Each structure stands twice: as C-alpha cells, then as structure tokens.
Amino acid sequence: MELKEKLKQFKDSKAFSVIKNVAPEVLDQATDIAASIYPPLGIVNGFVDKAIDIAKSKGNHNEVAQLVEAKADYEIDYIEHHRLEVEDRKDARVNGNAHLQYVVAYFSLAGFTFFGGVQMWLCYKILSDGLQVNEFIIMTASNIFGLFTGLIFTLKDFLFGGSAEKK
C-alpha cells in the first residue's frame, strides 16, 4: 500500500466536517488546495480557532466543545500523518528506484564539474586577458556558481548520508 493511499485527506478528517457544519463561513476563506491536502497544524488551528470564536459569539457551547474535540483529533491525525511521511522518506533509496537516483546524482555531479570548469576558465580568461565583462554576466555567473556550490553538499548528503547512524 502506497503512502498516498494510507494518508487521509484533510477534507475527510473530522475537523473539516465539524467546521463545515458548525461554521461554514470559515471554510469560505480557505482555498480548494487546503481542503485537498493535509495542511500544517498551525493553519488548521487558525481555522478551528476562528470557528470556535464564531460558535462562541453565537452562544453555542455544544459546537465549541465539538470544535475543541475536533482540534485535538486533528492534532493526533497530523502527528500520525507526519510519522508516516518520515517513515516513507527514511528508506527512499531502497524502494526500487535507487538506480535512477544514482544516475541523476552522477549526472548532477558531472554537470557541477563541467560548469565549475567553465567558471574557472572564464575567471582565467578575464584575469589573463583583461576582458571587459558587464555586470549582468558577472551576476549570472556568480549565481550559477552559488547554485552548484550548494548542490555539491546535497549530492554528498545523498551519496554518503546526511547524518551518522545511531545504533
């Protein structure tokens, strides 16, 4: 069973259904995207807190209790959702497509080496021949060099692990 099949969408959660029944005007402020993904806890807490305020202003203590319970249920669901995501990422290179990931990593490393060489050659030409280069080319070259400098750490973490294993 894939991760997507295991995970419940926010629109299928108890928090969504209670907010929809108790304070539908709160959901009018939300986008369709927020109803189709599992949004972060802070966003949902904001929606639920608004719904609680609306229910309190209406003097509906039963609805407030439902919302508080739904908020607690969502926190439990969210923690489980996060646990499943971490578990799925934990062995990402072992799930059958490791060879493709290594190919991409090595081609990225080759690209880094090539563009690094081009950068070094350009620096040599500019310094030795005294070429006049406009600021746009210097800025673009600096950004590309910065991009590939960051990429090398990503490749190192991918190929050799990002942290020491704890036993």
C-alpha atoms as a PDB file:
ATOM      1  CA  MET A   1       0.000   0.000   0.000  1.00  0.00           C
ATOM      2  CA  GLU A   2       1.466   3.339  -1.081  1.00  0.00           C
ATOM      3  CA  LEU A   3       1.805   6.326   1.218  1.00  0.00           C
ATOM      4  CA  LYS A   4      -0.856   8.293  -0.696  1.00  0.00           C
ATOM      5  CA  GLU A   5      -3.356   5.506  -0.114  1.00  0.00           C
ATOM      6  CA  LYS A   6      -2.564   5.376   3.613  1.00  0.00           C
ATOM      7  CA  LEU A   7      -2.919   9.097   4.179  1.00  0.00           C
ATOM      8  CA  LYS A   8      -6.318  10.638   4.752  1.00  0.00           C
ATOM      9  CA  GLN A   9      -7.049  13.972   3.068  1.00  0.00           C
ATOM     10  CA  PHE A  10      -7.980  16.949   5.215  1.00  0.00           C
ATOM     11  CA  LYS A  11     -11.439  17.104   3.654  1.00  0.00           C
ATOM     12  CA  ASP A  12     -12.024  13.574   5.025  1.00  0.00           C
ATOM     13  CA  SER A  13     -10.993  14.479   8.573  1.00  0.00           C
ATOM     14  CA  LYS A  14     -13.339  15.078  11.492  1.00  0.00           C
ATOM     15  CA  ALA A  15     -12.011  18.629  11.913  1.00  0.00           C
ATOM     16  CA  PHE A  16     -13.091  19.529   8.364  1.00  0.00           C
ATOM     17  CA  SER A  17     -16.575  18.043   8.716  1.00  0.00           C
ATOM     18  CA  VAL A  18     -17.236  19.730  12.077  1.00  0.00           C
ATOM     19  CA  ILE A  19     -16.064  23.131  10.775  1.00  0.00           C
ATOM     20  CA  LYS A  20     -18.202  22.625   7.665  1.00  0.00           C
ATOM     21  CA  ASN A  21     -21.292  22.011   9.828  1.00  0.00           C
ATOM     22  CA  VAL A  22     -20.624  24.496  12.620  1.00  0.00           C
ATOM     23  CA  ALA A  23     -19.032  27.467  10.841  1.00  0.00           C
ATOM     24  CA  PRO A  24     -19.071  27.085   7.050  1.00  0.00           C
ATOM     25  CA  GLU A  25     -18.108  30.748   6.601  1.00  0.00           C
ATOM     26  CA  VAL A  26     -14.613  29.862   7.858  1.00  0.00           C
ATOM     27  CA  LEU A  27     -14.189  27.381   5.023  1.00  0.00           C
ATOM     28  CA  ASP A  28     -15.213  30.052   2.519  1.00  0.00           C
ATOM     29  CA  GLN A  29     -11.940  31.770   3.362  1.00  0.00           C
ATOM     30  CA  ALA A  30      -9.931  28.616   2.679  1.00  0.00           C
ATOM     31  CA  THR A  31      -8.814  27.625  -0.787  1.00  0.00           C
ATOM     32  CA  ASP A  32      -9.602  24.357  -2.538  1.00  0.00           C
ATOM     33  CA  ILE A  33      -5.978  23.370  -2.061  1.00  0.00           C
ATOM     34  CA  ALA A  34      -6.300  23.488   1.728  1.00  0.00           C
ATOM     35  CA  ALA A  35      -9.181  21.017   1.501  1.00  0.00           C
ATOM     36  CA  SER A  36      -7.347  18.562  -0.752  1.00  0.00           C
ATOM     37  CA  ILE A  37      -4.031  18.302   1.121  1.00  0.00           C
ATOM     38  CA  TYR A  38      -3.185  17.719   4.746  1.00  0.00           C
ATOM     39  CA  PRO A  39      -2.308  21.273   5.811  1.00  0.00           C
ATOM     40  CA  PRO A  40       0.128  22.117   8.589  1.00  0.00           C
ATOM     41  CA  LEU A  41      -1.145  22.112  12.127  1.00  0.00           C
ATOM     42  CA  GLY A  42      -0.848  25.888  12.507  1.00  0.00           C
ATOM     43  CA  ILE A  43      -3.139  26.592   9.545  1.00  0.00           C
ATOM     44  CA  VAL A  44      -5.820  24.190  10.765  1.00  0.00           C
ATOM     45  CA  ASN A  45      -5.549  25.535  14.315  1.00  0.00           C
ATOM     46  CA  GLY A  46      -6.131  29.017  12.889  1.00  0.00           C
ATOM     47  CA  PHE A  47      -9.281  27.862  11.076  1.00  0.00           C
ATOM     48  CA  VAL A  48     -10.564  25.988  14.107  1.00  0.00           C
ATOM     49  CA  ASP A  49      -9.851  28.926  16.422  1.00  0.00           C
ATOM     50  CA  LYS A  50     -11.858  31.208  14.095  1.00  0.00           C
ATOM     51  CA  ALA A  51     -14.676  28.651  14.060  1.00  0.00           C
ATOM     52  CA  ILE A  52     -14.577  28.485  17.889  1.00  0.00           C
ATOM     53  CA  ASP A  53     -14.816  32.286  18.081  1.00  0.00           C
ATOM     54  CA  ILE A  54     -17.807  32.245  15.731  1.00  0.00           C
ATOM     55  CA  ALA A  55     -19.510  29.481  17.722  1.00  0.00           C
ATOM     56  CA  LYS A  56     -18.841  31.375  20.987  1.00  0.00           C
ATOM     57  CA  SER A  57     -20.306  34.564  19.527  1.00  0.00           C
ATOM     58  CA  LYS A  58     -23.435  32.598  18.607  1.00  0.00           C
ATOM     59  CA  GLY A  59     -23.560  31.265  22.184  1.00  0.00           C
ATOM     60  CA  ASN A  60     -23.365  27.651  21.041  1.00  0.00           C
ATOM     61  CA  HIS A  61     -21.402  25.833  23.753  1.00  0.00           C
ATOM     62  CA  ASN A  62     -22.096  22.408  22.244  1.00  0.00           C
ATOM     63  CA  GLU A  63     -20.474  23.454  18.956  1.00  0.00           C
ATOM     64  CA  VAL A  64     -17.493  24.914  20.832  1.00  0.00           C
ATOM     65  CA  ALA A  65     -16.995  21.556  22.566  1.00  0.00           C
ATOM     66  CA  GLN A  66     -17.232  19.750  19.201  1.00  0.00           C
ATOM     67  CA  LEU A  67     -14.645  22.072  17.692  1.00  0.00           C
ATOM     68  CA  VAL A  68     -12.240  21.664  20.614  1.00  0.00           C
ATOM     69  CA  GLU A  69     -12.572  17.876  20.314  1.00  0.00           C
ATOM     70  CA  ALA A  70     -12.093  18.036  16.525  1.00  0.00           C
ATOM     71  CA  LYS A  71      -8.971  20.181  17.021  1.00  0.00           C
ATOM     72  CA  ALA A  72      -7.497  17.575  19.378  1.00  0.00           C
ATOM     73  CA  ASP A  73      -8.387  14.759  16.943  1.00  0.00           C
ATOM     74  CA  TYR A  74      -6.716  16.630  14.090  1.00  0.00           C
ATOM     75  CA  GLU A  75      -3.529  17.056  16.115  1.00  0.00           C
ATOM     76  CA  ILE A  76      -3.423  13.281  16.629  1.00  0.00           C
ATOM     77  CA  ASP A  77      -4.114  12.667  12.901  1.00  0.00           C
ATOM     78  CA  TYR A  78      -1.459  15.205  11.942  1.00  0.00           C
ATOM     79  CA  ILE A  79       1.180  13.558  14.132  1.00  0.00           C
ATOM     80  CA  GLU A  80       0.344  10.165  12.568  1.00  0.00           C
ATOM     81  CA  HIS A  81       0.480  11.712   9.079  1.00  0.00           C
ATOM     82  CA  HIS A  82       3.905  13.181   9.840  1.00  0.00           C
ATOM     83  CA  ARG A  83       5.122   9.833  11.224  1.00  0.00           C
ATOM     84  CA  LEU A  84       4.048   8.050   8.010  1.00  0.00           C
ATOM     85  CA  GLU A  85       5.833  10.647   5.859  1.00  0.00           C
ATOM     86  CA  VAL A  86       9.048  10.308   7.864  1.00  0.00           C
ATOM     87  CA  GLU A  87       8.814   6.522   7.663  1.00  0.00           C
ATOM     88  CA  ASP A  88       8.310   6.723   3.892  1.00  0.00           C
ATOM     89  CA  ARG A  89      11.299   9.055   3.400  1.00  0.00           C
ATOM     90  CA  LYS A  90      13.510   7.010   5.702  1.00  0.00           C
ATOM     91  CA  ASP A  91      14.145   4.348   3.074  1.00  0.00           C
ATOM     92  CA  ALA A  92      13.590   6.373  -0.098  1.00  0.00           C
ATOM     93  CA  ARG A  93      16.684   4.992  -1.836  1.00  0.00           C
ATOM     94  CA  VAL A  94      15.695   1.387  -1.155  1.00  0.00           C
ATOM     95  CA  ASN A  95      12.220   1.453  -2.732  1.00  0.00           C
ATOM     96  CA  GLY A  96      13.121   0.130  -6.180  1.00  0.00           C
ATOM     97  CA  ASN A  97      14.322   3.240  -7.991  1.00  0.00           C
ATOM     98  CA  ALA A  98      17.718   3.647  -6.356  1.00  0.00           C
ATOM     99  CA  HIS A  99      19.495   3.100  -9.690  1.00  0.00           C
ATOM    100  CA  LEU A 100      17.653   6.084 -11.213  1.00  0.00           C
ATOM    101  CA  GLN A 101      18.502   8.244  -8.234  1.00  0.00           C
ATOM    102  CA  TYR A 102      22.180   7.341  -8.543  1.00  0.00           C
ATOM    103  CA  VAL A 103      22.109   8.142 -12.273  1.00  0.00           C
ATOM    104  CA  VAL A 104      20.609  11.563 -11.535  1.00  0.00           C
ATOM    105  CA  ALA A 105      23.156  12.138  -8.772  1.00  0.00           C
ATOM    106  CA  TYR A 106      26.098  11.270 -11.010  1.00  0.00           C
ATOM    107  CA  PHE A 107      24.816  13.376 -13.911  1.00  0.00           C
ATOM    108  CA  SER A 108      24.346  16.272 -11.496  1.00  0.00           C
ATOM    109  CA  LEU A 109      27.899  15.780 -10.271  1.00  0.00           C
ATOM    110  CA  ALA A 110      29.130  15.717 -13.876  1.00  0.00           C
ATOM    111  CA  GLY A 111      27.174  18.930 -14.562  1.00  0.00           C
ATOM    112  CA  PHE A 112      28.677  20.541 -11.484  1.00  0.00           C
ATOM    113  CA  THR A 113      32.149  19.568 -12.634  1.00  0.00           C
ATOM    114  CA  PHE A 114      31.520  20.882 -16.163  1.00  0.00           C
ATOM    115  CA  PHE A 115      30.065  24.213 -15.046  1.00  0.00           C
ATOM    116  CA  GLY A 116      32.763  24.571 -12.412  1.00  0.00           C
ATOM    117  CA  GLY A 117      35.374  24.095 -15.133  1.00  0.00           C
ATOM    118  CA  VAL A 118      33.658  26.685 -17.323  1.00  0.00           C
ATOM    119  CA  GLN A 119      33.642  29.092 -14.385  1.00  0.00           C
ATOM    120  CA  MET A 120      37.344  28.523 -13.756  1.00  0.00           C
ATOM    121  CA  TRP A 121      38.144  29.008 -17.459  1.00  0.00           C
ATOM    122  CA  LEU A 122      36.119  32.239 -17.584  1.00  0.00           C
ATOM    123  CA  CYS A 123      37.894  33.552 -14.488  1.00  0.00           C
ATOM    124  CA  TYR A 124      41.256  32.708 -16.058  1.00  0.00           C
ATOM    125  CA  LYS A 125      40.346  34.455 -19.342  1.00  0.00           C
ATOM    126  CA  ILE A 126      39.027  37.541 -17.571  1.00  0.00           C
ATOM    127  CA  LEU A 127      42.107  37.831 -15.370  1.00  0.00           C
ATOM    128  CA  SER A 128      44.718  36.990 -18.003  1.00  0.00           C
ATOM    129  CA  ASP A 129      43.302  38.914 -20.971  1.00  0.00           C
ATOM    130  CA  GLY A 130      41.697  41.758 -19.066  1.00  0.00           C
ATOM    131  CA  LEU A 131      38.327  41.187 -20.754  1.00  0.00           C
ATOM    132  CA  GLN A 132      35.596  43.709 -20.117  1.00  0.00           C
ATOM    133  CA  VAL A 133      32.509  41.903 -18.813  1.00  0.00           C
ATOM    134  CA  ASN A 134      29.258  43.625 -17.922  1.00  0.00           C
ATOM    135  CA  GLU A 135      27.645  43.269 -14.509  1.00  0.00           C
ATOM    136  CA  PHE A 136      24.808  41.028 -15.738  1.00  0.00           C
ATOM    137  CA  ILE A 137      27.236  38.308 -16.858  1.00  0.00           C
ATOM    138  CA  ILE A 138      29.185  38.542 -13.600  1.00  0.00           C
ATOM    139  CA  MET A 139      25.947  38.334 -11.571  1.00  0.00           C
ATOM    140  CA  THR A 140      24.659  35.364 -13.605  1.00  0.00           C
ATOM    141  CA  ALA A 141      27.964  33.523 -13.327  1.00  0.00           C
ATOM    142  CA  SER A 142      28.057  34.147  -9.573  1.00  0.00           C
ATOM    143  CA  ASN A 143      24.509  32.814  -9.160  1.00  0.00           C
ATOM    144  CA  ILE A 144      25.290  29.685 -11.179  1.00  0.00           C
ATOM    145  CA  PHE A 145      28.453  29.114  -9.155  1.00  0.00           C
ATOM    146  CA  GLY A 146      26.479  29.536  -5.913  1.00  0.00           C
ATOM    147  CA  LEU A 147      23.820  27.123  -7.126  1.00  0.00           C
ATOM    148  CA  PHE A 148      26.336  24.435  -7.934  1.00  0.00           C
ATOM    149  CA  THR A 149      28.261  25.045  -4.727  1.00  0.00           C
ATOM    150  CA  GLY A 150      25.076  24.292  -2.788  1.00  0.00           C
ATOM    151  CA  LEU A 151      24.394  21.263  -4.980  1.00  0.00           C
ATOM    152  CA  ILE A 152      27.625  19.575  -4.005  1.00  0.00           C
ATOM    153  CA  PHE A 153      26.520  19.380  -0.358  1.00  0.00           C
ATOM    154  CA  THR A 154      23.175  17.900  -1.427  1.00  0.00           C
ATOM    155  CA  LEU A 155      24.964  15.275  -3.508  1.00  0.00           C
ATOM    156  CA  LYS A 156      27.339  14.498  -0.647  1.00  0.00           C
ATOM    157  CA  ASP A 157      24.399  14.001   1.726  1.00  0.00           C
ATOM    158  CA  PHE A 158      22.598  11.816  -0.801  1.00  0.00           C
ATOM    159  CA  LEU A 159      25.545   9.608  -1.698  1.00  0.00           C
ATOM    160  CA  PHE A 160      27.141   9.329   1.731  1.00  0.00           C
ATOM    161  CA  GLY A 161      24.281  10.051   4.141  1.00  0.00           C
ATOM    162  CA  GLY A 162      23.277  13.249   5.854  1.00  0.00           C
ATOM    163  CA  SER A 163      23.992  12.187   9.403  1.00  0.00           C
ATOM    164  CA  ALA A 164      25.655   9.448  11.368  1.00  0.00           C
ATOM    165  CA  GLU A 165      23.606   6.337  12.038  1.00  0.00           C
ATOM    166  CA  LYS A 166      22.608   5.847  15.637  1.00  0.00           C
ATOM    167  CA  LYS A 167      22.716   2.303  16.944  1.00  0.00           C
END
